[in-house]
Amino acid sequence: MVRVSHPFHPWFGREFLFVRVTQTWGEDRVFFVDQDDELLSLPLGWTDAAPVDVFVEVAAGPVPFPCHGPDGAGPADGRPRGRRPRV
């Protein structure tokens, strides 16, 4: 089964019988069968068959280093924020 995961697609949340993933029309597409046994396809990224994006997974986690100083205002290394003055 494959689920449509694109939030603006009219089939969002519906599940279909998965057939295969193939590169067609210059992009990876998921082919599936609907309730009328018709072979249809959608872009891979619009379904839950797409692999997990590693950047999105890492970005959703905790920050591995402090981004601000102890007072919560400036950089953790104590340098002032903003541009350096021109010399």
C-alpha atoms as a PDB file:
ATOM      1  CA  MET A   1       0.000   0.000   0.000  1.00  0.00           C
ATOM      2  CA  VAL A   2       1.084   3.565  -0.680  1.00  0.00           C
ATOM      3  CA  ARG A   3      -0.446   6.667   0.895  1.00  0.00           C
ATOM      4  CA  VAL A   4      -0.743  10.087  -0.752  1.00  0.00           C
ATOM      5  CA  SER A   5       1.097  12.468   1.594  1.00  0.00           C
ATOM      6  CA  HIS A   6       1.013  15.762  -0.335  1.00  0.00           C
ATOM      7  CA  PRO A   7      -1.145  18.027   1.859  1.00  0.00           C
ATOM      8  CA  PHE A   8      -2.805  19.868  -1.036  1.00  0.00           C
ATOM      9  CA  HIS A   9      -3.609  16.839  -3.195  1.00  0.00           C
ATOM     10  CA  PRO A  10      -7.305  15.860  -3.280  1.00  0.00           C
ATOM     11  CA  TRP A  11      -6.324  12.249  -2.497  1.00  0.00           C
ATOM     12  CA  PHE A  12      -4.358  13.265   0.616  1.00  0.00           C
ATOM     13  CA  GLY A  13      -4.432  10.419   3.143  1.00  0.00           C
ATOM     14  CA  ARG A  14      -5.888   7.831   0.756  1.00  0.00           C
ATOM     15  CA  GLU A  15      -4.122   4.496   0.338  1.00  0.00           C
ATOM     16  CA  PHE A  16      -3.689   2.619  -2.920  1.00  0.00           C
ATOM     17  CA  LEU A  17      -2.228  -0.714  -3.968  1.00  0.00           C
ATOM     18  CA  PHE A  18       1.479  -0.120  -4.695  1.00  0.00           C
ATOM     19  CA  VAL A  19       2.854  -1.448  -8.010  1.00  0.00           C
ATOM     20  CA  ARG A  20       6.348   0.024  -8.532  1.00  0.00           C
ATOM     21  CA  VAL A  21       8.566   3.128  -8.555  1.00  0.00           C
ATOM     22  CA  THR A  22       9.894   4.057 -11.990  1.00  0.00           C
ATOM     23  CA  GLN A  23      11.590   7.084 -13.482  1.00  0.00           C
ATOM     24  CA  THR A  24       9.116   8.501 -15.973  1.00  0.00           C
ATOM     25  CA  TRP A  25       8.819  11.980 -17.488  1.00  0.00           C
ATOM     26  CA  GLY A  26      12.175  12.918 -15.970  1.00  0.00           C
ATOM     27  CA  GLU A  27      11.229  12.163 -12.353  1.00  0.00           C
ATOM     28  CA  ASP A  28      10.673   9.212 -10.028  1.00  0.00           C
ATOM     29  CA  ARG A  29       6.997   8.294  -9.961  1.00  0.00           C
ATOM     30  CA  VAL A  30       4.994   5.826  -7.878  1.00  0.00           C
ATOM     31  CA  PHE A  31       2.644   3.630  -9.870  1.00  0.00           C
ATOM     32  CA  PHE A  32      -0.396   2.251  -8.082  1.00  0.00           C
ATOM     33  CA  VAL A  33      -3.810   0.742  -8.775  1.00  0.00           C
ATOM     34  CA  ASP A  34      -7.001   2.510  -7.690  1.00  0.00           C
ATOM     35  CA  GLN A  35     -10.321   0.935  -6.671  1.00  0.00           C
ATOM     36  CA  ASP A  36     -11.336   0.614 -10.357  1.00  0.00           C
ATOM     37  CA  ASP A  37      -8.134  -1.346 -11.157  1.00  0.00           C
ATOM     38  CA  GLU A  38      -6.783   1.594 -13.155  1.00  0.00           C
ATOM     39  CA  LEU A  39      -2.987   2.067 -13.173  1.00  0.00           C
ATOM     40  CA  LEU A  40      -2.155   5.606 -12.016  1.00  0.00           C
ATOM     41  CA  SER A  41       0.993   7.441 -10.947  1.00  0.00           C
ATOM     42  CA  LEU A  42       2.094  10.356  -8.799  1.00  0.00           C
ATOM     43  CA  PRO A  43       5.502  11.938  -8.166  1.00  0.00           C
ATOM     44  CA  LEU A  44       7.427   9.935  -5.578  1.00  0.00           C
ATOM     45  CA  GLY A  45       7.693  12.932  -3.236  1.00  0.00           C
ATOM     46  CA  TRP A  46       3.914  13.197  -2.995  1.00  0.00           C
ATOM     47  CA  THR A  47       3.638   9.765  -1.343  1.00  0.00           C
ATOM     48  CA  ASP A  48       4.906   7.993   1.743  1.00  0.00           C
ATOM     49  CA  ALA A  49       7.004   5.756  -0.531  1.00  0.00           C
ATOM     50  CA  ALA A  50       9.645   8.510  -0.727  1.00  0.00           C
ATOM     51  CA  PRO A  51      12.779   7.895   1.335  1.00  0.00           C
ATOM     52  CA  VAL A  52      13.187   9.922   4.515  1.00  0.00           C
ATOM     53  CA  ASP A  53      15.036  13.214   3.945  1.00  0.00           C
ATOM     54  CA  VAL A  54      18.047  13.026   6.273  1.00  0.00           C
ATOM     55  CA  PHE A  55      18.327  16.829   6.544  1.00  0.00           C
ATOM     56  CA  VAL A  56      14.702  17.155   7.645  1.00  0.00           C
ATOM     57  CA  GLU A  57      15.141  14.395  10.245  1.00  0.00           C
ATOM     58  CA  VAL A  58      18.305  15.956  11.699  1.00  0.00           C
ATOM     59  CA  ALA A  59      16.844  19.482  11.645  1.00  0.00           C
ATOM     60  CA  ALA A  60      13.832  18.305  13.639  1.00  0.00           C
ATOM     61  CA  GLY A  61      16.028  17.130  16.512  1.00  0.00           C
ATOM     62  CA  PRO A  62      17.669  19.040  19.347  1.00  0.00           C
ATOM     63  CA  VAL A  63      20.399  21.601  18.666  1.00  0.00           C
ATOM     64  CA  PRO A  64      23.773  19.900  19.252  1.00  0.00           C
ATOM     65  CA  PHE A  65      25.491  23.152  20.314  1.00  0.00           C
ATOM     66  CA  PRO A  66      24.363  26.396  21.971  1.00  0.00           C
ATOM     67  CA  CYS A  67      23.379  29.171  19.584  1.00  0.00           C
ATOM     68  CA  HIS A  68      23.377  31.948  22.161  1.00  0.00           C
ATOM     69  CA  GLY A  69      25.291  33.091  25.212  1.00  0.00           C
ATOM     70  CA  PRO A  70      24.350  32.548  28.830  1.00  0.00           C
ATOM     71  CA  ASP A  71      22.147  35.650  28.831  1.00  0.00           C
ATOM     72  CA  GLY A  72      20.275  34.349  25.778  1.00  0.00           C
ATOM     73  CA  ALA A  73      21.194  37.368  23.667  1.00  0.00           C
ATOM     74  CA  GLY A  74      24.523  37.028  21.862  1.00  0.00           C
ATOM     75  CA  PRO A  75      26.710  34.287  20.411  1.00  0.00           C
ATOM     76  CA  ALA A  76      27.966  31.688  22.863  1.00  0.00           C
ATOM     77  CA  ASP A  77      31.596  32.747  22.398  1.00  0.00           C
ATOM     78  CA  GLY A  78      30.906  36.260  23.740  1.00  0.00           C
ATOM     79  CA  ARG A  79      31.585  38.128  20.501  1.00  0.00           C
ATOM     80  CA  PRO A  80      29.237  41.024  19.789  1.00  0.00           C
ATOM     81  CA  ARG A  81      26.444  40.418  17.304  1.00  0.00           C
ATOM     82  CA  GLY A  82      26.106  42.177  13.989  1.00  0.00           C
ATOM     83  CA  ARG A  83      28.560  43.400  11.395  1.00  0.00           C
ATOM     84  CA  ARG A  84      32.179  44.133  12.050  1.00  0.00           C
ATOM     85  CA  PRO A  85      33.085  47.801  11.611  1.00  0.00           C
ATOM     86  CA  ARG A  86      34.842  48.623   8.354  1.00  0.00           C
ATOM     87  CA  VAL A  87      38.474  49.549   8.635  1.00  0.00           C
END
